[in-house]
Amino acid sequence: MSEKCHSILMDSRGRAVAQIASISCDFKNGKVIPEHFHPEHQLVFASTGVMTVHTGQNVWVVPPMRAVWIPALTPHRIVMSGLVSMRTLYFLPALGPSLPKKCFTMNVSPLLRELILHACQFPKLRTASPVQKRIIEVIVDQLKAVHSIPLQLPQPSDSRAVRVVQSLFRNPGDSRTLENLCRECGASKRTVERLFIRETKMTFGKWRQQLRLLHSVELLASGEKVTAAALGAGYNSASAFIAMFRKQLGATPKCYLSG
């Protein structure tokens, strides 16, 4: 069950005390923040390490120097891979209608990165302060220009497809065919293929490739070498894995994880 967090931008009477608040935390590998939700929007930035954010119907992986946007009231839990330096900005929902309404993972421009780090020097930012107001306006303006990156894994809801998903989450490198997975999970291959397209908007093959990609990012962040991450993600060779990684994310694993 999700835990509701108290607002850090509103007082007990529901009056805004600030427009943006910040929290800086460092976490060890494997740390899990249990499922919870906030009254505020969140921008969760990883300056080092990788975070995996679970939001019920989706999984989002956040590599170093990237961020995930989490709208207000969205239940989520976060799993850390590697040593994670998390920098979080909380936004008052009334700050502006232009703020995103859906979760997504984003590349963080050098300017937005510096703005996040600078904002984290202030526990709270208020539009009543001319200097802080300008910082708020530039951050909001930058958020309008960001683009999502393909580090999302949508989750099916039908119990037959869910059983297949759970089996693969336990072992993302599982090389069994979908037909064999379905036999174990008590569903026909054709039915599960149809469910994946309908509920995730992806073929099962594309979904599995995305799972392996995200799992490999977590392994690399935890300190695994490229070859070990490739094998752990179900690839037969490091070269095939690197080619897939470059095709999907535009860089080799080493370059991508360095930010």
Protein backbone atom coordinates (compact mmCIF):
# COMPACT_ATOMS: atom_id res chain seq x y z
CA MET A 1 0.00 0.00 0.00
CA SER A 2 1.33 3.43 -0.92
CA GLU A 3 2.29 5.83 1.85
CA LYS A 4 1.08 9.40 1.45
CA CYS A 5 3.82 11.92 2.21
CA HIS A 6 3.07 15.26 3.82
CA SER A 7 3.37 18.31 1.60
CA ILE A 8 6.62 20.23 1.96
CA LEU A 9 5.27 23.19 -0.02
CA MET A 10 1.95 23.72 1.79
CA ASP A 11 1.26 24.49 5.45
CA SER A 12 -1.37 22.75 7.60
CA ARG A 13 -4.02 25.15 6.30
CA GLY A 14 -3.26 24.38 2.67
CA ARG A 15 -1.43 27.64 1.98
CA ALA A 16 1.65 27.61 -0.24
CA VAL A 17 4.87 28.38 1.63
CA ALA A 18 7.08 28.05 -1.47
CA GLN A 19 6.89 27.07 -5.15
CA ILE A 20 9.86 24.67 -5.31
CA ALA A 21 11.60 22.64 -2.60
CA SER A 22 14.74 20.53 -2.85
CA ILE A 23 16.19 17.44 -1.17
CA SER A 24 19.68 15.97 -1.69
CA CYS A 25 20.35 12.35 -0.65
CA ASP A 26 23.05 9.74 -1.23
CA PHE A 27 22.18 6.01 -1.25
CA LYS A 28 24.07 2.71 -1.27
CA ASN A 29 23.69 0.07 -3.97
CA GLY A 30 20.47 -1.89 -3.56
CA LYS A 31 18.67 0.65 -1.37
CA VAL A 32 14.91 0.64 -1.92
CA ILE A 33 12.58 3.56 -1.18
CA PRO A 34 9.17 1.91 -0.57
CA GLU A 35 6.12 2.89 -2.57
CA HIS A 36 4.77 6.33 -1.67
CA PHE A 37 3.35 9.45 -3.32
CA HIS A 38 3.60 13.21 -2.90
CA PRO A 39 1.14 16.07 -3.28
CA GLU A 40 3.82 17.79 -5.41
CA HIS A 41 5.32 17.09 -8.83
CA GLN A 42 8.86 15.73 -8.63
CA LEU A 43 11.97 15.99 -10.78
CA VAL A 44 14.29 13.20 -9.62
CA PHE A 45 17.84 13.63 -10.92
CA ALA A 46 20.70 11.12 -10.68
CA SER A 47 24.05 12.91 -10.62
CA THR A 48 25.74 9.51 -10.09
CA GLY A 49 24.41 5.96 -10.09
CA VAL A 50 21.24 4.55 -11.62
CA MET A 51 17.70 4.66 -10.20
CA THR A 52 14.87 2.37 -11.26
CA VAL A 53 11.47 3.94 -10.64
CA HIS A 54 8.41 1.68 -10.50
CA THR A 55 5.07 3.42 -11.04
CA GLY A 56 2.58 0.55 -11.20
CA GLN A 57 2.04 0.29 -14.96
CA ASN A 58 5.57 1.32 -15.93
CA VAL A 59 9.21 0.92 -14.99
CA TRP A 60 11.60 3.80 -15.65
CA VAL A 61 15.40 3.56 -15.52
CA VAL A 62 17.30 6.76 -14.75
CA PRO A 63 21.04 6.62 -15.60
CA PRO A 64 23.61 9.19 -14.38
CA MET A 65 23.00 12.76 -15.50
CA ARG A 66 19.40 11.94 -16.46
CA ALA A 67 16.16 12.57 -14.60
CA VAL A 68 12.62 11.28 -14.29
CA TRP A 69 9.54 13.47 -13.99
CA ILE A 70 6.91 12.13 -11.56
CA PRO A 71 3.57 14.00 -11.51
CA ALA A 72 1.85 14.72 -8.21
CA LEU A 73 -0.05 11.85 -6.55
CA THR A 74 1.74 9.17 -8.62
CA PRO A 75 2.55 6.13 -6.43
CA HIS A 76 6.15 5.06 -6.98
CA ARG A 77 9.08 3.22 -5.45
CA ILE A 78 12.75 3.65 -6.29
CA VAL A 79 15.55 1.04 -6.39
CA MET A 80 19.20 2.14 -6.41
CA SER A 81 21.91 0.54 -8.57
CA GLY A 82 25.42 1.57 -7.63
CA LEU A 83 26.17 4.49 -5.33
CA VAL A 84 23.42 6.99 -6.11
CA SER A 85 23.53 10.74 -5.57
CA MET A 86 19.90 11.80 -5.88
CA ARG A 87 18.84 15.41 -6.25
CA THR A 88 15.08 16.00 -6.13
CA LEU A 89 13.07 19.13 -6.86
CA TYR A 90 9.43 19.31 -5.72
CA PHE A 91 7.09 21.60 -7.66
CA LEU A 92 3.85 23.11 -6.46
CA PRO A 93 1.21 21.82 -8.94
CA ALA A 94 -0.27 25.32 -9.15
CA LEU A 95 3.07 26.64 -10.36
CA GLY A 96 2.02 26.33 -13.96
CA PRO A 97 -0.26 24.35 -16.28
CA SER A 98 2.67 23.80 -18.64
CA LEU A 99 4.36 21.34 -16.27
CA PRO A 100 4.26 17.74 -17.63
CA LYS A 101 1.28 15.56 -16.65
CA LYS A 102 2.88 12.15 -17.27
CA CYS A 103 5.97 10.29 -16.09
CA PHE A 104 8.95 10.21 -18.42
CA THR A 105 12.73 9.89 -18.33
CA MET A 106 14.68 12.79 -19.82
CA ASN A 107 18.13 13.82 -20.87
CA VAL A 108 19.30 16.73 -18.73
CA SER A 109 20.96 19.57 -20.61
CA PRO A 110 24.08 21.18 -19.09
CA LEU A 111 22.01 24.27 -18.25
CA LEU A 112 19.22 22.29 -16.55
CA ARG A 113 21.80 20.24 -14.65
CA GLU A 114 23.41 23.37 -13.24
CA LEU A 115 19.99 24.81 -12.41
CA ILE A 116 19.04 21.65 -10.48
CA LEU A 117 22.30 21.65 -8.54
CA HIS A 118 22.00 25.37 -7.85
CA ALA A 119 18.37 25.03 -6.72
CA CYS A 120 19.43 22.27 -4.30
CA GLN A 121 21.39 24.91 -2.38
CA PHE A 122 18.03 26.35 -1.31
CA PRO A 123 15.71 24.21 0.86
CA LYS A 124 12.83 26.20 -0.66
CA LEU A 125 12.46 28.62 -3.55
CA ARG A 126 9.79 31.34 -3.48
CA THR A 127 8.47 33.63 -6.19
CA ALA A 128 8.27 36.36 -3.54
CA SER A 129 12.06 36.63 -3.81
CA PRO A 130 13.07 38.30 -7.12
CA VAL A 131 16.28 36.25 -7.39
CA GLN A 132 14.56 32.96 -6.59
CA LYS A 133 11.67 33.81 -8.91
CA ARG A 134 14.06 34.09 -11.84
CA ILE A 135 15.57 30.68 -11.00
CA ILE A 136 12.08 29.14 -10.83
CA GLU A 137 11.09 30.67 -14.18
CA VAL A 138 14.20 29.39 -15.95
CA ILE A 139 13.78 25.87 -14.53
CA VAL A 140 10.14 25.74 -15.62
CA ASP A 141 11.11 27.08 -19.04
CA GLN A 142 13.78 24.39 -19.42
CA LEU A 143 11.29 21.66 -18.52
CA LYS A 144 9.10 22.73 -21.43
CA ALA A 145 11.92 21.91 -23.85
CA VAL A 146 13.02 18.47 -22.59
CA HIS A 147 12.39 15.29 -24.56
CA SER A 148 11.77 11.79 -23.26
CA ILE A 149 14.35 9.02 -23.80
CA PRO A 150 13.56 5.33 -24.40
CA LEU A 151 14.13 3.98 -20.89
CA GLN A 152 10.55 3.03 -20.10
CA LEU A 153 9.13 -0.48 -19.77
CA PRO A 154 5.30 -0.53 -19.83
CA GLN A 155 3.64 -3.31 -17.84
CA PRO A 156 0.64 -5.39 -18.93
CA SER A 157 -2.26 -5.79 -16.51
CA ASP A 158 -3.87 -9.04 -17.72
CA SER A 159 -2.93 -11.86 -15.32
CA ARG A 160 -1.79 -14.16 -18.14
CA ALA A 161 0.73 -11.65 -19.48
CA VAL A 162 1.68 -10.62 -15.94
CA ARG A 163 2.80 -14.20 -15.19
CA VAL A 164 5.14 -14.08 -18.19
CA VAL A 165 6.47 -10.69 -17.07
CA GLN A 166 7.08 -11.90 -13.51
CA SER A 167 9.00 -14.90 -14.81
CA LEU A 168 11.26 -12.67 -16.93
CA PHE A 169 11.74 -10.12 -14.16
CA ARG A 170 13.13 -12.92 -12.01
CA ASN A 171 15.63 -13.71 -14.78
CA PRO A 172 15.83 -11.08 -17.56
CA GLY A 173 18.46 -13.19 -19.33
CA ASP A 174 16.09 -16.15 -19.69
CA SER A 175 16.51 -17.40 -23.27
CA ARG A 176 13.38 -19.56 -23.44
CA THR A 177 10.98 -18.92 -26.29
CA LEU A 178 7.66 -17.23 -25.65
CA GLU A 179 5.95 -20.55 -26.37
CA ASN A 180 7.88 -22.22 -23.54
CA LEU A 181 7.24 -19.30 -21.18
CA CYS A 182 3.52 -19.46 -21.96
CA ARG A 183 3.42 -23.18 -21.31
CA GLU A 184 4.76 -22.56 -17.81
CA CYS A 185 2.39 -19.63 -17.23
CA GLY A 186 -0.76 -21.35 -18.46
CA ALA A 187 -1.60 -19.25 -21.52
CA SER A 188 -1.36 -19.63 -25.28
CA LYS A 189 1.41 -17.90 -27.21
CA ARG A 190 -1.07 -16.16 -29.51
CA THR A 191 -3.07 -14.81 -26.57
CA VAL A 192 0.00 -13.43 -24.80
CA GLU A 193 1.30 -11.84 -28.02
CA ARG A 194 -2.05 -10.11 -28.46
CA LEU A 195 -2.08 -8.95 -24.82
CA PHE A 196 1.39 -7.39 -25.08
CA ILE A 197 0.45 -5.40 -28.18
CA ARG A 198 -2.83 -4.26 -26.66
CA GLU A 199 -1.58 -3.39 -23.17
CA THR A 200 2.01 -2.26 -23.72
CA LYS A 201 1.82 -1.05 -27.36
CA MET A 202 4.89 -3.24 -28.00
CA THR A 203 5.39 -6.70 -29.47
CA PHE A 204 6.63 -9.26 -26.98
CA GLY A 205 10.01 -9.33 -28.76
CA LYS A 206 10.42 -5.55 -28.47
CA TRP A 207 9.28 -5.65 -24.84
CA ARG A 208 11.81 -8.35 -23.97
CA GLN A 209 14.60 -6.42 -25.71
CA GLN A 210 13.67 -3.33 -23.69
CA LEU A 211 13.69 -5.34 -20.45
CA ARG A 212 17.17 -6.63 -21.26
CA LEU A 213 18.38 -3.13 -22.08
CA LEU A 214 17.12 -1.70 -18.79
CA HIS A 215 18.46 -4.66 -16.82
CA SER A 216 21.88 -4.21 -18.42
CA VAL A 217 21.94 -0.53 -17.40
CA GLU A 218 21.25 -1.58 -13.80
CA LEU A 219 24.01 -4.22 -13.92
CA LEU A 220 26.55 -1.79 -15.34
CA ALA A 221 25.69 0.79 -12.67
CA SER A 222 26.16 -1.86 -9.99
CA GLY A 223 29.76 -2.36 -11.15
CA GLU A 224 29.47 -5.27 -13.59
CA LYS A 225 31.80 -5.33 -16.59
CA VAL A 226 30.30 -5.06 -20.08
CA THR A 227 30.71 -8.79 -20.79
CA ALA A 228 29.04 -9.79 -17.52
CA ALA A 229 26.20 -7.31 -18.13
CA ALA A 230 25.75 -8.68 -21.66
CA LEU A 231 25.49 -12.27 -20.45
CA GLY A 232 23.24 -11.26 -17.55
CA ALA A 233 20.91 -9.55 -20.01
CA GLY A 234 20.69 -12.62 -22.22
CA TYR A 235 23.18 -11.76 -24.99
CA ASN A 236 25.64 -14.35 -26.28
CA SER A 237 28.47 -11.89 -26.84
CA ALA A 238 29.62 -8.48 -25.69
CA SER A 239 29.80 -7.24 -29.29
CA ALA A 240 26.12 -8.04 -29.97
CA PHE A 241 25.18 -6.36 -26.71
CA ILE A 242 27.22 -3.21 -27.46
CA ALA A 243 25.68 -2.98 -30.95
CA MET A 244 22.16 -3.20 -29.47
CA PHE A 245 23.01 -0.67 -26.77
CA ARG A 246 24.43 1.81 -29.27
CA LYS A 247 21.42 1.40 -31.58
CA GLN A 248 18.94 1.98 -28.75
CA LEU A 249 20.69 4.76 -26.82
CA GLY A 250 23.14 6.25 -29.29
CA ALA A 251 26.35 5.48 -27.38
CA THR A 252 28.43 2.61 -26.07
CA PRO A 253 27.64 1.44 -22.53
CA LYS A 254 30.78 3.06 -21.13
CA CYS A 255 30.08 6.45 -22.71
CA TYR A 256 26.40 6.38 -21.84
CA LEU A 257 26.90 5.53 -18.18
CA SER A 258 29.53 8.23 -17.84
CA GLY A 259 26.81 10.77 -18.64
